[in-house]
Structure formats: C-alpha cells, structure tokens
Amino acid sequence: MDTFSTAVSGALMMPAVAGAVLVKKSIAGISLHGLAGRLKERISTDFVESRAVKSADKIADKIFGKARAKSRSQKADEEIFNGLGYIRNRIMSSEDSKITTDNMIEELLANAEILRPAYMRMLSLVRVDDRRRAAEEFIDMAFSEHAREYGRILIQLDEVTPGEVYETLKAFQKTIGESRITRLKKRDELVSDLLYLPVVLNLVIIFFNFIYTAYFIQQKDMLSMLM
C-alpha cells in the first residue's frame, strides 16, 4: 500500500516538476533574451557616442590645427622679415667685405625660434656642400610662403656681391612689409566689426521691441473698441 501510494504520488509530482523546469527555462530564456537586448542596445549606444566623440575631436583638431598652422606661418614671416633687416644691416656695417652663407646662418640662429630647426638643417647641409638640398629642406621646414625666396637669398650670399644682395633684400623686405600691413588691416577691420556688433544687436532688439509694443497697443485698442 505504501509502495503504491509512493508510486502514485511520484507520478502526480512528475508533471509539476516538469512544469517547474519548463517555467524556469522559459524565465531563463526571457532573462537571457532581455540581457542580450540590453547589451546590444548598450553596445550600439556606446558605438554611436564613440563615433560622435571621434567626429567632434576631428573637427576640433581641424579647426585648431588650422589656427596653429596660421599662427606659425605668421611667426615665420615675422622672423624672415627681421632676418632680411639683419642681413641688410650686416651688409651696411661690413662695407665691402663679403658675407658668407655659413656665418650668416649661424648669426641668424642666435635669435631664431620658429625658423631655428630650418636654419640648423640648412647649415648642416651647406657645410657638406649640398646647397640645392639645403634650400629645398629650408622651404619645407620654414612654414612660410616667403621661404623659397628667402632660402635662395641665403644660399647665394657666397656667390653675389654685397651691393646686389642689398638691393634684392630691400625689394623683398618691402614685399613682405606690404603683406604684413594688409594682414594687420584685415585684423583691425575684424576687431572693429566685433566691437560694433553689440551696438548693432542692441539696435535690432530695440527695433523689434518697438514693433512688438506698437502692435500690442494696436491690438488692445481694437479689443477696447469691440467691447
């Protein structure tokens, strides 16, 4: 009898146990599916955020990179302009004595900043008598649109007379000076526009405020007449 009862009880419990196992598997399946969905959503969000951050970094690098390049080019132009003035003064003070490329680059190096690496490379190549390469690498390293002509003048100091060099320097320095004046005028115009911008904005605000007030008064008068 006990054996029979146990068998019957076991038979009755088997569907319940099987149902419980099935429910657990279903819950586990749902949990895993939900977890996979959340994980997928998180990965997708992280990917989008990562792409957005990278795009923003690229845009910022491009903007600031251009600004740095422009600033560096302007500083290089300043040093070239000052270098031309220094060579002119050296020619005038040395009278008829010849000025060599080697000595002049050494002297220019003393006060150079942006052009310092270009001067150093040029000097090392001049000393091994590779003048063509010295001029080419100076152009590549100088970060200035005037580097080609300036490098040519430095290389030719050993080959031309002081008088010829002086006239070339004078004309070239005048050209750079004119471009500097043009750049400064543009900068001053931009600053002037920025200074007047708040005044213009205030006038626009006052104008729209006047229109809005006039329209509001007109509408109020119309409503008063209707009432």
Protein backbone atom coordinates (compact mmCIF):
# COMPACT_ATOMS: atom_id res chain seq x y z
CA MET A 1 0.00 0.00 0.00
CA ASP A 2 2.78 2.38 0.91
CA THR A 3 4.60 1.45 -2.25
CA PHE A 4 1.51 2.06 -4.29
CA SER A 5 0.93 5.45 -2.63
CA THR A 6 4.51 6.46 -3.21
CA ALA A 7 4.29 5.48 -6.86
CA VAL A 8 1.05 7.39 -7.31
CA SER A 9 2.47 10.44 -5.52
CA GLY A 10 5.58 10.33 -7.66
CA ALA A 11 3.50 10.06 -10.81
CA LEU A 12 1.44 13.04 -9.77
CA MET A 13 4.53 15.13 -8.96
CA MET A 14 6.31 14.46 -12.25
CA PRO A 15 4.13 16.86 -14.34
CA ALA A 16 4.52 19.52 -11.67
CA VAL A 17 8.29 19.11 -11.64
CA ALA A 18 8.41 19.12 -15.43
CA GLY A 19 6.25 22.27 -15.48
CA ALA A 20 8.50 23.96 -12.96
CA VAL A 21 11.56 23.10 -15.00
CA LEU A 22 9.89 24.42 -18.14
CA VAL A 23 8.91 27.63 -16.35
CA LYS A 24 12.47 28.07 -15.10
CA LYS A 25 13.85 27.51 -18.60
CA SER A 26 11.35 30.00 -20.02
CA ILE A 27 12.28 32.58 -17.37
CA ALA A 28 15.95 31.95 -18.04
CA GLY A 29 15.34 32.28 -21.76
CA ILE A 30 13.47 35.54 -21.28
CA SER A 31 16.17 36.84 -18.93
CA LEU A 32 18.93 35.94 -21.36
CA HIS A 33 16.98 37.47 -24.25
CA GLY A 34 16.43 40.66 -22.27
CA LEU A 35 20.04 40.76 -21.20
CA ALA A 36 21.18 40.26 -24.78
CA GLY A 37 18.85 43.05 -25.91
CA ARG A 38 20.12 45.46 -23.26
CA LEU A 39 23.71 44.51 -24.05
CA LYS A 40 23.11 45.08 -27.75
CA GLU A 41 21.44 48.43 -27.03
CA ARG A 42 24.33 49.45 -24.78
CA ILE A 43 26.92 48.47 -27.37
CA SER A 44 25.00 50.40 -30.03
CA THR A 45 24.79 53.48 -27.76
CA ASP A 46 28.48 53.28 -26.88
CA PHE A 47 29.33 52.94 -30.58
CA VAL A 48 27.26 55.99 -31.50
CA GLU A 49 28.76 58.01 -28.63
CA SER A 50 32.26 56.89 -29.60
CA ARG A 51 31.67 57.92 -33.22
CA ALA A 52 30.26 61.27 -32.09
CA VAL A 53 33.25 61.91 -29.81
CA LYS A 54 35.70 60.97 -32.56
CA SER A 55 33.92 63.23 -35.05
CA ALA A 56 33.96 66.12 -32.59
CA ASP A 57 37.66 65.53 -31.91
CA LYS A 58 38.43 65.52 -35.63
CA ILE A 59 36.52 68.77 -36.17
CA ALA A 60 38.25 70.40 -33.19
CA ASP A 61 41.67 69.17 -34.37
CA LYS A 62 40.98 70.52 -37.84
CA ILE A 63 39.90 73.93 -36.57
CA PHE A 64 42.66 74.33 -34.01
CA GLY A 65 45.18 72.75 -36.38
CA LYS A 66 44.46 75.42 -38.98
CA ALA A 67 44.70 78.12 -36.33
CA ARG A 68 48.06 76.80 -35.11
CA ALA A 69 49.38 76.50 -38.68
CA LYS A 70 48.29 80.06 -39.46
CA SER A 71 49.91 81.39 -36.28
CA ARG A 72 53.12 79.50 -37.00
CA SER A 73 53.19 80.81 -40.59
CA GLN A 74 52.75 84.40 -39.38
CA LYS A 75 55.58 83.98 -36.85
CA ALA A 76 57.80 82.54 -39.57
CA ASP A 77 57.03 85.55 -41.78
CA GLU A 78 57.99 87.85 -38.90
CA GLU A 79 61.32 86.08 -38.46
CA ILE A 80 62.02 86.20 -42.19
CA PHE A 81 61.24 89.93 -42.23
CA ASN A 82 63.56 90.51 -39.26
CA GLY A 83 66.20 88.27 -40.84
CA LEU A 84 66.18 90.35 -44.01
CA GLY A 85 66.64 93.50 -41.96
CA TYR A 86 69.51 91.91 -40.05
CA ILE A 87 71.30 90.87 -43.25
CA ARG A 88 70.87 94.37 -44.68
CA ASN A 89 72.39 95.91 -41.56
CA ARG A 90 75.30 93.45 -41.65
CA ILE A 91 76.00 94.31 -45.29
CA MET A 92 76.00 98.02 -44.50
CA SER A 93 78.26 97.57 -41.45
CA SER A 94 80.71 95.27 -43.22
CA GLU A 95 81.18 97.69 -46.12
CA ASP A 96 82.91 95.80 -48.96
CA SER A 97 83.76 92.65 -47.03
CA LYS A 98 81.91 89.56 -48.19
CA ILE A 99 79.33 87.84 -46.02
CA THR A 100 79.21 84.05 -46.25
CA THR A 101 76.14 81.83 -46.07
CA ASP A 102 77.67 79.77 -43.27
CA ASN A 103 78.41 82.73 -40.99
CA MET A 104 75.10 84.47 -41.68
CA ILE A 105 73.01 81.38 -40.83
CA GLU A 106 74.99 80.98 -37.59
CA GLU A 107 74.20 84.59 -36.66
CA LEU A 108 70.52 84.25 -37.57
CA LEU A 109 70.29 81.13 -35.42
CA ALA A 110 71.06 83.16 -32.30
CA ASN A 111 67.63 84.87 -32.27
CA ALA A 112 65.56 82.32 -34.20
CA GLU A 113 62.56 80.49 -32.76
CA ILE A 114 60.19 79.13 -35.39
CA LEU A 115 62.92 79.03 -38.05
CA ARG A 116 65.56 77.55 -35.76
CA PRO A 117 65.17 73.90 -36.95
CA ALA A 118 65.14 75.07 -40.59
CA TYR A 119 68.31 77.16 -40.07
CA MET A 120 70.07 74.27 -38.33
CA ARG A 121 69.22 71.82 -41.09
CA MET A 122 70.22 74.29 -43.77
CA LEU A 123 73.56 75.00 -42.07
CA SER A 124 74.43 71.31 -41.77
CA LEU A 125 73.73 70.73 -45.48
CA VAL A 126 75.65 73.85 -46.54
CA ARG A 127 78.69 72.59 -44.63
CA VAL A 128 78.65 69.34 -46.60
CA ASP A 129 78.28 71.39 -49.80
CA ASP A 130 74.75 70.18 -50.61
CA ARG A 131 73.28 73.60 -51.28
CA ARG A 132 70.42 72.53 -53.52
CA ARG A 133 69.09 70.18 -50.85
CA ALA A 134 69.72 72.82 -48.17
CA ALA A 135 67.43 75.27 -49.98
CA GLU A 136 64.74 72.63 -50.60
CA GLU A 137 64.62 71.44 -46.98
CA PHE A 138 64.61 75.01 -45.69
CA ILE A 139 61.49 75.66 -47.79
CA ASP A 140 59.79 72.54 -46.41
CA MET A 141 60.63 73.36 -42.78
CA ALA A 142 60.08 77.12 -42.73
CA PHE A 143 56.23 77.17 -42.81
CA SER A 144 56.14 80.37 -44.84
CA GLU A 145 55.17 81.34 -48.37
CA HIS A 146 58.27 83.55 -48.46
CA ALA A 147 60.65 80.71 -47.56
CA ARG A 148 61.63 79.91 -51.16
CA GLU A 149 62.91 83.39 -51.97
CA TYR A 150 64.49 83.82 -48.54
CA GLY A 151 66.29 80.48 -48.78
CA ARG A 152 67.57 81.37 -52.25
CA ILE A 153 68.99 84.65 -50.94
CA LEU A 154 70.80 82.89 -48.08
CA ILE A 155 72.29 80.27 -50.39
CA GLN A 156 73.52 82.91 -52.86
CA LEU A 157 75.33 85.07 -50.30
CA ASP A 158 78.61 83.38 -51.28
CA GLU A 159 78.05 83.97 -54.99
CA VAL A 160 76.90 87.60 -55.38
CA THR A 161 78.31 90.95 -54.37
CA PRO A 162 77.02 92.78 -51.24
CA GLY A 163 75.54 95.52 -53.40
CA GLU A 164 73.45 93.07 -55.44
CA VAL A 165 72.28 91.27 -52.31
CA TYR A 166 71.35 94.56 -50.64
CA GLU A 167 69.00 95.63 -53.44
CA THR A 168 67.37 92.20 -53.54
CA LEU A 169 66.89 92.26 -49.77
CA LYS A 170 65.39 95.74 -49.91
CA ALA A 171 62.81 94.78 -52.56
CA PHE A 172 61.94 91.51 -50.84
CA GLN A 173 61.55 93.12 -47.43
CA LYS A 174 59.23 95.70 -48.95
CA THR A 175 57.05 92.93 -50.38
CA ILE A 176 56.78 91.18 -47.01
CA GLY A 177 56.12 94.50 -45.28
CA GLU A 178 53.20 95.22 -47.62
CA SER A 179 51.68 91.79 -46.96
CA ARG A 180 52.07 92.38 -43.20
CA ILE A 181 50.30 95.74 -43.47
CA THR A 182 47.45 94.11 -45.41
CA ARG A 183 47.10 91.37 -42.79
CA LEU A 184 47.10 93.91 -39.95
CA LYS A 185 44.43 95.99 -41.69
CA LYS A 186 42.21 92.93 -42.06
CA ARG A 187 42.71 92.08 -38.41
CA ASP A 188 41.87 95.65 -37.37
CA GLU A 189 38.72 95.58 -39.52
CA LEU A 190 37.65 92.31 -37.89
CA VAL A 191 38.24 93.73 -34.41
CA SER A 192 36.29 96.86 -35.35
CA ASP A 193 33.38 94.76 -36.60
CA LEU A 194 33.38 92.73 -33.40
CA LEU A 195 33.36 95.91 -31.31
CA TYR A 196 30.36 97.31 -33.19
CA LEU A 197 28.45 94.02 -33.13
CA PRO A 198 26.92 94.54 -29.62
CA VAL A 199 25.76 98.02 -30.63
CA VAL A 200 24.08 96.68 -33.76
CA LEU A 201 22.43 93.87 -31.80
CA ASN A 202 21.09 96.36 -29.26
CA LEU A 203 19.62 98.49 -32.04
CA VAL A 204 17.95 95.44 -33.58
CA ILE A 205 16.49 94.44 -30.21
CA ILE A 206 15.16 97.97 -29.64
CA PHE A 207 13.64 98.00 -33.13
CA PHE A 208 11.81 94.69 -32.65
CA ASN A 209 10.72 95.74 -29.17
CA PHE A 210 9.25 98.93 -30.64
CA ILE A 211 7.35 96.97 -33.31
CA TYR A 212 6.05 94.48 -30.77
CA THR A 213 4.90 97.27 -28.41
CA ALA A 214 3.18 99.17 -31.20
CA TYR A 215 1.41 96.02 -32.39
CA PHE A 216 0.32 95.16 -28.83
CA ILE A 217 -1.11 98.67 -28.26
CA GLN A 218 -2.95 98.49 -31.60
CA GLN A 219 -4.50 95.15 -30.72
CA LYS A 220 -5.52 96.44 -27.29
CA ASP A 221 -7.23 99.47 -28.83
CA MET A 222 -9.09 97.23 -31.29
CA LEU A 223 -10.31 94.97 -28.48
CA SER A 224 -11.44 98.03 -26.49
CA MET A 225 -13.49 99.26 -29.46
CA LEU A 226 -15.14 95.85 -29.91
CA MET A 227 -16.03 95.60 -26.26
